[in-house]
Amino acid sequence: MNISRLVLGVFAIGLAATFYVTALGYPDKAANMPLIYSVVVALLGAAMVGQEIISTLRRRKVSVEGAATASDADPEETAVSEQEHQRKPWKAMLIFLLAAVYLYSISILGYLGATVGFMVVALSIIGHLSWRFAAIGIVLLVTLVCTVFIGFLGLPVPLLPPLLSS
């Protein structure tokens, strides 16, 4: 069982529950999006936990039935797979930590600076995207969020740092 993946799923569920409870105190119009996001994150966390539990049960069943084990595989491929497997949970936990720093930094850097900084650092940690595609994604994300929160919901979003917006 991949304990890191299991912990990450449980952490996501806990984080989503915290944001859900917090969003219940918001005005009705402002609470819609955080409530939706909280439910989606909780469902994704539950799916991660469920997938890990189901895959562990399947592996045990296959092992009991005497199917081929990982020792039959090429040792070099196994070493590479294990190395990648060990790095991924740390990347995910680092992104969660970075998300907490991001939430705090919005009040200091403003939404635009904090979001662009978060996305650049997060995507460089993940490292599977070209910078051109990442830049397009960042611009689309910022535009979409500004359109939803400012345009449709009419909520005040601190776009710039407090020193520049005064």
N, C-alpha and C. Protein backbone atom coordinates (compact mmCIF):
# COMPACT_ATOMS: atom_id res chain seq x y z
N MET A 1 0.84 -1.18 0.00
CA MET A 1 0.00 0.00 0.00
C MET A 1 0.89 1.24 0.00
N ASN A 2 0.54 2.18 -0.84
CA ASN A 2 1.27 3.43 -0.92
C ASN A 2 0.71 4.37 0.14
N ILE A 3 1.37 4.42 1.28
CA ILE A 3 0.90 5.22 2.41
C ILE A 3 0.88 6.71 2.07
N SER A 4 1.86 7.18 1.30
CA SER A 4 1.90 8.59 0.94
C SER A 4 0.67 9.00 0.14
N ARG A 5 0.27 8.16 -0.78
CA ARG A 5 -0.92 8.44 -1.59
C ARG A 5 -2.18 8.41 -0.74
N LEU A 6 -2.22 7.48 0.18
CA LEU A 6 -3.36 7.38 1.09
C LEU A 6 -3.45 8.62 1.99
N VAL A 7 -2.32 9.03 2.53
CA VAL A 7 -2.28 10.22 3.39
C VAL A 7 -2.65 11.46 2.60
N LEU A 8 -2.17 11.56 1.37
CA LEU A 8 -2.49 12.70 0.52
C LEU A 8 -3.99 12.77 0.26
N GLY A 9 -4.62 11.64 0.00
CA GLY A 9 -6.07 11.62 -0.21
C GLY A 9 -6.84 12.03 1.03
N VAL A 10 -6.44 11.52 2.18
CA VAL A 10 -7.10 11.89 3.44
C VAL A 10 -6.87 13.37 3.72
N PHE A 11 -5.67 13.87 3.46
CA PHE A 11 -5.36 15.29 3.65
C PHE A 11 -6.25 16.15 2.76
N ALA A 12 -6.45 15.74 1.51
CA ALA A 12 -7.30 16.49 0.59
C ALA A 12 -8.74 16.52 1.09
N ILE A 13 -9.22 15.41 1.62
CA ILE A 13 -10.59 15.37 2.17
C ILE A 13 -10.70 16.31 3.37
N GLY A 14 -9.71 16.28 4.26
CA GLY A 14 -9.72 17.17 5.42
C GLY A 14 -9.66 18.63 5.03
N LEU A 15 -8.82 18.95 4.06
CA LEU A 15 -8.70 20.32 3.58
C LEU A 15 -10.01 20.78 2.95
N ALA A 16 -10.62 19.93 2.16
CA ALA A 16 -11.89 20.26 1.53
C ALA A 16 -12.98 20.47 2.58
N ALA A 17 -13.00 19.64 3.60
CA ALA A 17 -14.00 19.79 4.67
C ALA A 17 -13.81 21.12 5.40
N THR A 18 -12.57 21.49 5.64
CA THR A 18 -12.28 22.76 6.31
C THR A 18 -12.78 23.93 5.48
N PHE A 19 -12.48 23.91 4.19
CA PHE A 19 -12.93 25.00 3.32
C PHE A 19 -14.45 25.00 3.17
N TYR A 20 -15.06 23.83 3.17
CA TYR A 20 -16.52 23.74 3.06
C TYR A 20 -17.18 24.40 4.27
N VAL A 21 -16.70 24.04 5.46
CA VAL A 21 -17.26 24.61 6.69
C VAL A 21 -17.03 26.12 6.72
N THR A 22 -15.85 26.57 6.31
CA THR A 22 -15.56 28.00 6.27
C THR A 22 -16.48 28.72 5.29
N ALA A 23 -16.72 28.13 4.13
CA ALA A 23 -17.55 28.75 3.10
C ALA A 23 -19.01 28.84 3.51
N LEU A 24 -19.46 28.02 4.45
CA LEU A 24 -20.85 28.09 4.90
C LEU A 24 -21.16 29.43 5.55
N GLY A 25 -20.13 30.10 6.07
CA GLY A 25 -20.32 31.41 6.70
C GLY A 25 -20.31 32.57 5.71
N TYR A 26 -20.02 32.30 4.44
CA TYR A 26 -19.98 33.35 3.42
C TYR A 26 -21.40 33.72 3.00
N PRO A 27 -21.57 34.91 2.42
CA PRO A 27 -22.88 35.22 1.82
C PRO A 27 -23.20 34.21 0.72
N ASP A 28 -24.48 34.01 0.46
CA ASP A 28 -24.91 32.97 -0.49
C ASP A 28 -24.21 33.08 -1.84
N LYS A 29 -24.13 34.27 -2.38
CA LYS A 29 -23.54 34.46 -3.70
C LYS A 29 -22.05 34.12 -3.70
N ALA A 30 -21.36 34.48 -2.64
CA ALA A 30 -19.92 34.24 -2.54
C ALA A 30 -19.60 32.80 -2.17
N ALA A 31 -20.53 32.09 -1.58
CA ALA A 31 -20.25 30.73 -1.09
C ALA A 31 -20.36 29.67 -2.17
N ASN A 32 -21.02 29.96 -3.27
CA ASN A 32 -21.27 28.93 -4.28
C ASN A 32 -19.99 28.29 -4.80
N MET A 33 -19.06 29.07 -5.30
CA MET A 33 -17.84 28.51 -5.89
C MET A 33 -16.98 27.76 -4.86
N PRO A 34 -16.71 28.33 -3.67
CA PRO A 34 -15.92 27.57 -2.70
C PRO A 34 -16.58 26.25 -2.28
N LEU A 35 -17.91 26.25 -2.19
CA LEU A 35 -18.60 25.02 -1.83
C LEU A 35 -18.45 23.97 -2.93
N ILE A 36 -18.58 24.40 -4.18
CA ILE A 36 -18.42 23.48 -5.30
C ILE A 36 -17.00 22.92 -5.33
N TYR A 37 -16.01 23.81 -5.19
CA TYR A 37 -14.62 23.37 -5.21
C TYR A 37 -14.32 22.42 -4.06
N SER A 38 -14.88 22.70 -2.89
CA SER A 38 -14.65 21.84 -1.73
C SER A 38 -15.19 20.43 -1.98
N VAL A 39 -16.38 20.36 -2.55
CA VAL A 39 -16.98 19.06 -2.83
C VAL A 39 -16.14 18.30 -3.87
N VAL A 40 -15.69 19.01 -4.91
CA VAL A 40 -14.89 18.37 -5.95
C VAL A 40 -13.57 17.85 -5.37
N VAL A 41 -12.90 18.65 -4.56
CA VAL A 41 -11.62 18.22 -3.96
C VAL A 41 -11.86 17.04 -3.03
N ALA A 42 -12.94 17.07 -2.26
CA ALA A 42 -13.24 15.94 -1.37
C ALA A 42 -13.51 14.67 -2.17
N LEU A 43 -14.24 14.79 -3.28
CA LEU A 43 -14.50 13.63 -4.12
C LEU A 43 -13.22 13.08 -4.75
N LEU A 44 -12.34 13.98 -5.19
CA LEU A 44 -11.07 13.53 -5.75
C LEU A 44 -10.21 12.86 -4.68
N GLY A 45 -10.20 13.41 -3.47
CA GLY A 45 -9.47 12.78 -2.37
C GLY A 45 -10.04 11.41 -2.03
N ALA A 46 -11.37 11.31 -2.02
CA ALA A 46 -12.01 10.02 -1.74
C ALA A 46 -11.71 9.01 -2.85
N ALA A 47 -11.67 9.50 -4.09
CA ALA A 47 -11.32 8.61 -5.20
C ALA A 47 -9.88 8.12 -5.07
N MET A 48 -8.98 8.99 -4.63
CA MET A 48 -7.58 8.61 -4.45
C MET A 48 -7.45 7.54 -3.36
N VAL A 49 -8.16 7.76 -2.25
CA VAL A 49 -8.12 6.78 -1.16
C VAL A 49 -8.74 5.46 -1.62
N GLY A 50 -9.89 5.54 -2.28
CA GLY A 50 -10.55 4.33 -2.77
C GLY A 50 -9.70 3.58 -3.77
N GLN A 51 -9.07 4.30 -4.69
CA GLN A 51 -8.22 3.65 -5.69
C GLN A 51 -7.05 2.94 -5.02
N GLU A 52 -6.47 3.56 -4.02
CA GLU A 52 -5.33 2.95 -3.33
C GLU A 52 -5.76 1.69 -2.58
N ILE A 53 -6.91 1.75 -1.93
CA ILE A 53 -7.41 0.58 -1.19
C ILE A 53 -7.76 -0.55 -2.15
N ILE A 54 -8.44 -0.23 -3.24
CA ILE A 54 -8.82 -1.26 -4.22
C ILE A 54 -7.59 -1.88 -4.87
N SER A 55 -6.60 -1.05 -5.23
CA SER A 55 -5.39 -1.61 -5.86
C SER A 55 -4.62 -2.48 -4.88
N THR A 56 -4.62 -2.14 -3.62
CA THR A 56 -3.95 -2.97 -2.61
C THR A 56 -4.67 -4.31 -2.47
N LEU A 57 -5.99 -4.27 -2.44
CA LEU A 57 -6.75 -5.52 -2.34
C LEU A 57 -6.53 -6.39 -3.57
N ARG A 58 -6.47 -5.79 -4.75
CA ARG A 58 -6.22 -6.56 -5.98
C ARG A 58 -4.83 -7.18 -5.97
N ARG A 59 -3.83 -6.41 -5.53
CA ARG A 59 -2.47 -6.94 -5.47
C ARG A 59 -2.39 -8.12 -4.51
N ARG A 60 -3.06 -8.01 -3.40
CA ARG A 60 -3.06 -9.12 -2.44
C ARG A 60 -3.74 -10.35 -3.03
N LYS A 61 -4.84 -10.13 -3.74
CA LYS A 61 -5.56 -11.24 -4.35
C LYS A 61 -4.70 -11.93 -5.41
N VAL A 62 -4.04 -11.14 -6.24
CA VAL A 62 -3.16 -11.70 -7.28
C VAL A 62 -1.99 -12.43 -6.63
N SER A 63 -1.46 -11.89 -5.56
CA SER A 63 -0.34 -12.52 -4.87
C SER A 63 -0.76 -13.86 -4.28
N VAL A 64 -1.94 -13.90 -3.72
CA VAL A 64 -2.43 -15.14 -3.13
C VAL A 64 -2.68 -16.20 -4.20
N GLU A 65 -3.16 -15.78 -5.36
CA GLU A 65 -3.44 -16.71 -6.44
C GLU A 65 -2.17 -17.20 -7.13
N GLY A 66 -1.04 -16.66 -6.75
CA GLY A 66 0.23 -17.14 -7.29
C GLY A 66 0.58 -16.56 -8.64
N ALA A 67 0.07 -15.39 -8.95
CA ALA A 67 0.40 -14.75 -10.23
C ALA A 67 1.84 -14.25 -10.18
N ALA A 68 2.31 -13.80 -11.32
CA ALA A 68 3.68 -13.30 -11.43
C ALA A 68 3.86 -12.10 -10.50
N THR A 69 5.04 -12.03 -9.88
CA THR A 69 5.33 -10.93 -8.98
C THR A 69 6.27 -9.94 -9.65
N ALA A 70 6.54 -8.88 -8.95
CA ALA A 70 7.42 -7.84 -9.48
C ALA A 70 8.85 -8.34 -9.65
N SER A 71 9.21 -9.42 -8.98
CA SER A 71 10.58 -9.93 -9.10
C SER A 71 10.84 -10.52 -10.47
N ASP A 72 9.78 -10.86 -11.23
CA ASP A 72 9.95 -11.38 -12.57
C ASP A 72 10.30 -10.28 -13.57
N ALA A 73 10.06 -9.03 -13.21
CA ALA A 73 10.31 -7.92 -14.12
C ALA A 73 11.80 -7.62 -14.20
N ASP A 74 12.17 -6.85 -15.21
CA ASP A 74 13.55 -6.44 -15.40
C ASP A 74 13.99 -5.58 -14.21
N PRO A 75 15.12 -5.91 -13.55
CA PRO A 75 15.54 -5.16 -12.36
C PRO A 75 15.78 -3.68 -12.66
N GLU A 76 16.28 -3.36 -13.85
CA GLU A 76 16.55 -1.96 -14.19
C GLU A 76 15.24 -1.16 -14.29
N GLU A 77 14.21 -1.75 -14.91
CA GLU A 77 12.91 -1.08 -15.01
C GLU A 77 12.29 -0.93 -13.63
N THR A 78 12.45 -1.91 -12.79
CA THR A 78 11.91 -1.85 -11.44
C THR A 78 12.56 -0.73 -10.65
N ALA A 79 13.88 -0.57 -10.78
CA ALA A 79 14.58 0.49 -10.05
C ALA A 79 14.12 1.87 -10.51
N VAL A 80 13.94 2.07 -11.82
CA VAL A 80 13.48 3.36 -12.33
C VAL A 80 12.06 3.62 -11.87
N SER A 81 11.21 2.60 -11.92
CA SER A 81 9.82 2.75 -11.50
C SER A 81 9.74 3.10 -10.02
N GLU A 82 10.54 2.43 -9.19
CA GLU A 82 10.54 2.72 -7.76
C GLU A 82 11.06 4.13 -7.49
N GLN A 83 12.06 4.57 -8.24
CA GLN A 83 12.60 5.92 -8.06
C GLN A 83 11.54 6.97 -8.39
N GLU A 84 10.83 6.81 -9.50
CA GLU A 84 9.76 7.74 -9.86
C GLU A 84 8.63 7.68 -8.84
N HIS A 85 8.32 6.49 -8.37
CA HIS A 85 7.25 6.29 -7.41
C HIS A 85 7.55 7.01 -6.09
N GLN A 86 8.82 7.03 -5.68
CA GLN A 86 9.20 7.67 -4.43
C GLN A 86 9.17 9.18 -4.54
N ARG A 87 9.44 9.75 -5.71
CA ARG A 87 9.48 11.20 -5.87
C ARG A 87 8.08 11.82 -5.95
N LYS A 88 7.13 11.14 -6.51
CA LYS A 88 5.82 11.71 -6.75
C LYS A 88 5.07 12.13 -5.49
N PRO A 89 5.01 11.31 -4.43
CA PRO A 89 4.28 11.78 -3.23
C PRO A 89 4.90 13.03 -2.62
N TRP A 90 6.21 13.15 -2.66
CA TRP A 90 6.85 14.34 -2.10
C TRP A 90 6.51 15.57 -2.92
N LYS A 91 6.42 15.39 -4.24
CA LYS A 91 6.04 16.51 -5.09
C LYS A 91 4.61 16.95 -4.76
N ALA A 92 3.73 15.99 -4.59
CA ALA A 92 2.34 16.32 -4.29
C ALA A 92 2.21 17.02 -2.94
N MET A 93 2.91 16.52 -1.94
CA MET A 93 2.86 17.17 -0.62
C MET A 93 3.49 18.56 -0.67
N LEU A 94 4.54 18.71 -1.46
CA LEU A 94 5.17 20.02 -1.62
C LEU A 94 4.21 21.00 -2.29
N ILE A 95 3.43 20.53 -3.25
CA ILE A 95 2.44 21.38 -3.91
C ILE A 95 1.35 21.78 -2.93
N PHE A 96 0.91 20.87 -2.06
CA PHE A 96 -0.07 21.21 -1.03
C PHE A 96 0.48 22.28 -0.09
N LEU A 97 1.72 22.12 0.33
CA LEU A 97 2.36 23.12 1.19
C LEU A 97 2.46 24.45 0.46
N LEU A 98 2.84 24.39 -0.79
CA LEU A 98 2.93 25.59 -1.61
C LEU A 98 1.56 26.26 -1.76
N ALA A 99 0.49 25.46 -1.84
CA ALA A 99 -0.86 26.01 -1.93
C ALA A 99 -1.22 26.79 -0.66
N ALA A 100 -0.79 26.29 0.49
CA ALA A 100 -1.04 27.02 1.74
C ALA A 100 -0.29 28.34 1.75
N VAL A 101 0.95 28.33 1.28
CA VAL A 101 1.74 29.56 1.19
C VAL A 101 1.08 30.52 0.19
N TYR A 102 0.56 29.96 -0.88
CA TYR A 102 -0.13 30.76 -1.90
C TYR A 102 -1.33 31.50 -1.30
N LEU A 103 -2.15 30.78 -0.54
CA LEU A 103 -3.32 31.41 0.08
C LEU A 103 -2.92 32.57 0.98
N TYR A 104 -1.86 32.38 1.73
CA TYR A 104 -1.38 33.45 2.61
C TYR A 104 -0.81 34.61 1.80
N SER A 105 -0.11 34.30 0.71
CA SER A 105 0.58 35.34 -0.05
C SER A 105 -0.37 36.22 -0.87
N ILE A 106 -1.60 35.80 -1.06
CA ILE A 106 -2.55 36.63 -1.80
C ILE A 106 -2.75 37.97 -1.08
N SER A 107 -2.80 37.95 0.25
CA SER A 107 -3.00 39.19 0.99
C SER A 107 -1.78 40.10 0.92
N ILE A 108 -0.61 39.55 0.61
CA ILE A 108 0.62 40.34 0.54
C ILE A 108 0.92 40.76 -0.89
N LEU A 109 0.86 39.81 -1.82
CA LEU A 109 1.24 40.06 -3.21
C LEU A 109 0.08 40.41 -4.12
N GLY A 110 -1.15 40.21 -3.66
CA GLY A 110 -2.31 40.38 -4.51
C GLY A 110 -2.54 39.10 -5.30
N TYR A 111 -3.73 38.99 -5.89
CA TYR A 111 -4.10 37.76 -6.59
C TYR A 111 -3.19 37.50 -7.79
N LEU A 112 -2.93 38.51 -8.59
CA LEU A 112 -2.15 38.31 -9.81
C LEU A 112 -0.73 37.82 -9.51
N GLY A 113 -0.04 38.52 -8.63
CA GLY A 113 1.34 38.14 -8.30
C GLY A 113 1.43 36.78 -7.63
N ALA A 114 0.52 36.53 -6.67
CA ALA A 114 0.55 35.25 -5.95
C ALA A 114 0.20 34.08 -6.88
N THR A 115 -0.78 34.28 -7.74
CA THR A 115 -1.20 33.19 -8.62
C THR A 115 -0.13 32.87 -9.66
N VAL A 116 0.41 33.89 -10.29
CA VAL A 116 1.46 33.65 -11.28
C VAL A 116 2.67 33.00 -10.62
N GLY A 117 3.07 33.50 -9.45
CA GLY A 117 4.20 32.91 -8.72
C GLY A 117 3.94 31.47 -8.33
N PHE A 118 2.75 31.20 -7.80
CA PHE A 118 2.39 29.84 -7.41
C PHE A 118 2.43 28.89 -8.61
N MET A 119 1.83 29.32 -9.71
CA MET A 119 1.77 28.45 -10.88
C MET A 119 3.16 28.20 -11.46
N VAL A 120 4.01 29.22 -11.50
CA VAL A 120 5.36 29.03 -12.04
C VAL A 120 6.14 28.04 -11.18
N VAL A 121 6.08 28.22 -9.86
CA VAL A 121 6.82 27.31 -8.96
C VAL A 121 6.23 25.90 -9.01
N ALA A 122 4.89 25.80 -8.97
CA ALA A 122 4.25 24.48 -8.98
C ALA A 122 4.55 23.74 -10.28
N LEU A 123 4.46 24.43 -11.40
CA LEU A 123 4.72 23.77 -12.67
C LEU A 123 6.20 23.41 -12.85
N SER A 124 7.09 24.20 -12.25
CA SER A 124 8.51 23.83 -12.33
C SER A 124 8.80 22.62 -11.44
N ILE A 125 8.08 22.46 -10.35
CA ILE A 125 8.25 21.28 -9.50
C ILE A 125 7.73 20.04 -10.24
N ILE A 126 6.58 20.18 -10.85
CA ILE A 126 6.00 19.05 -11.59
C ILE A 126 6.86 18.71 -12.79
N GLY A 127 7.21 19.73 -13.58
CA GLY A 127 8.20 19.59 -14.63
C GLY A 127 7.83 18.79 -15.87
N HIS A 128 6.56 18.62 -16.16
CA HIS A 128 6.19 17.84 -17.34
C HIS A 128 5.62 18.69 -18.47
N LEU A 129 5.64 20.01 -18.33
CA LEU A 129 5.05 20.90 -19.33
C LEU A 129 6.10 21.80 -19.94
N SER A 130 5.85 22.18 -21.19
CA SER A 130 6.72 23.19 -21.79
C SER A 130 6.34 24.54 -21.20
N TRP A 131 7.27 25.46 -21.18
CA TRP A 131 7.01 26.77 -20.59
C TRP A 131 6.00 27.55 -21.42
N ARG A 132 5.96 27.33 -22.71
CA ARG A 132 4.97 28.02 -23.56
C ARG A 132 3.56 27.57 -23.18
N PHE A 133 3.38 26.26 -23.05
CA PHE A 133 2.08 25.73 -22.66
C PHE A 133 1.72 26.17 -21.24
N ALA A 134 2.70 26.20 -20.34
CA ALA A 134 2.46 26.65 -18.97
C ALA A 134 2.03 28.11 -18.94
N ALA A 135 2.68 28.96 -19.72
CA ALA A 135 2.33 30.38 -19.76
C ALA A 135 0.90 30.57 -20.27
N ILE A 136 0.53 29.83 -21.29
CA ILE A 136 -0.84 29.91 -21.81
C ILE A 136 -1.83 29.47 -20.73
N GLY A 137 -1.52 28.40 -20.03
CA GLY A 137 -2.38 27.91 -18.97
C GLY A 137 -2.52 28.91 -17.83
N ILE A 138 -1.42 29.55 -17.45
CA ILE A 138 -1.46 30.53 -16.37
C ILE A 138 -2.34 31.71 -16.77
N VAL A 139 -2.15 32.21 -17.97
CA VAL A 139 -2.96 33.34 -18.45
C VAL A 139 -4.44 32.96 -18.49
N LEU A 140 -4.74 31.77 -19.00
CA LEU A 140 -6.14 31.33 -19.06
C LEU A 140 -6.74 31.17 -17.66
N LEU A 141 -5.97 30.62 -16.72
CA LEU A 141 -6.47 30.45 -15.36
C LEU A 141 -6.77 31.79 -14.71
N VAL A 142 -5.84 32.72 -14.80
CA VAL A 142 -6.03 34.04 -14.19
C VAL A 142 -7.23 34.73 -14.83
N THR A 143 -7.34 34.66 -16.14
CA THR A 143 -8.47 35.28 -16.84
C THR A 143 -9.79 34.65 -16.44
N LEU A 144 -9.83 33.34 -16.36
CA LEU A 144 -11.06 32.64 -15.99
C LEU A 144 -11.50 32.99 -14.57
N VAL A 145 -10.57 32.96 -13.63
CA VAL A 145 -10.91 33.26 -12.24
C VAL A 145 -11.36 34.71 -12.10
N CYS A 146 -10.67 35.64 -12.76
CA CYS A 146 -11.08 37.04 -12.71
C CYS A 146 -12.46 37.22 -13.32
N THR A 147 -12.74 36.55 -14.41
CA THR A 147 -14.05 36.65 -15.06
C THR A 147 -15.15 36.13 -14.15
N VAL A 148 -14.91 34.98 -13.52
CA VAL A 148 -15.93 34.39 -12.66
C VAL A 148 -16.15 35.24 -11.42
N PHE A 149 -15.09 35.55 -10.69
CA PHE A 149 -15.25 36.22 -9.41
C PHE A 149 -15.56 37.71 -9.54
N ILE A 150 -14.94 38.39 -10.48
CA ILE A 150 -15.17 39.82 -10.63
C ILE A 150 -16.36 40.07 -11.55
N GLY A 151 -16.35 39.41 -12.72
CA GLY A 151 -17.39 39.65 -13.71
C GLY A 151 -18.74 39.09 -13.33
N PHE A 152 -18.81 37.80 -13.05
CA PHE A 152 -20.10 37.16 -12.80
C PHE A 152 -20.59 37.32 -11.36
N LEU A 153 -19.71 37.09 -10.41
CA LEU A 153 -20.13 37.15 -9.00
C LEU A 153 -20.05 38.56 -8.42
N GLY A 154 -19.32 39.44 -9.05
CA GLY A 154 -19.20 40.82 -8.57
C GLY A 154 -18.49 40.94 -7.24
N LEU A 155 -17.56 40.03 -6.98
CA LEU A 155 -16.83 40.05 -5.71
C LEU A 155 -15.54 40.85 -5.84
N PRO A 156 -15.17 41.54 -4.78
CA PRO A 156 -13.90 42.28 -4.83
C PRO A 156 -12.72 41.31 -4.68
N VAL A 157 -11.87 41.28 -5.65
CA VAL A 157 -10.69 40.42 -5.62
C VAL A 157 -9.47 41.33 -5.54
N PRO A 158 -8.60 41.13 -4.54
CA PRO A 158 -7.41 41.98 -4.43
C PRO A 158 -6.39 41.61 -5.52
N LEU A 159 -6.52 42.22 -6.70
CA LEU A 159 -5.66 41.87 -7.82
C LEU A 159 -4.21 42.26 -7.60
N LEU A 160 -3.97 43.43 -7.02
CA LEU A 160 -2.62 43.94 -6.82
C LEU A 160 -2.27 43.95 -5.34
N PRO A 161 -0.97 44.04 -5.02
CA PRO A 161 -0.58 44.14 -3.61
C PRO A 161 -1.19 45.38 -2.97
N PRO A 162 -1.44 45.34 -1.67
CA PRO A 162 -2.06 46.47 -0.98
C PRO A 162 -1.30 47.79 -1.20
N LEU A 163 0.02 47.75 -1.29
CA LEU A 163 0.80 48.98 -1.48
C LEU A 163 0.51 49.63 -2.84
N LEU A 164 0.24 48.84 -3.84
CA LEU A 164 0.00 49.37 -5.19
C LEU A 164 -1.47 49.72 -5.43
N SER A 165 -2.37 49.11 -4.69
CA SER A 165 -3.80 49.35 -4.93
C SER A 165 -4.35 50.52 -4.14
N SER A 166 -3.57 51.12 -3.26
CA SER A 166 -4.05 52.24 -2.44
C SER A 166 -4.17 53.50 -3.22
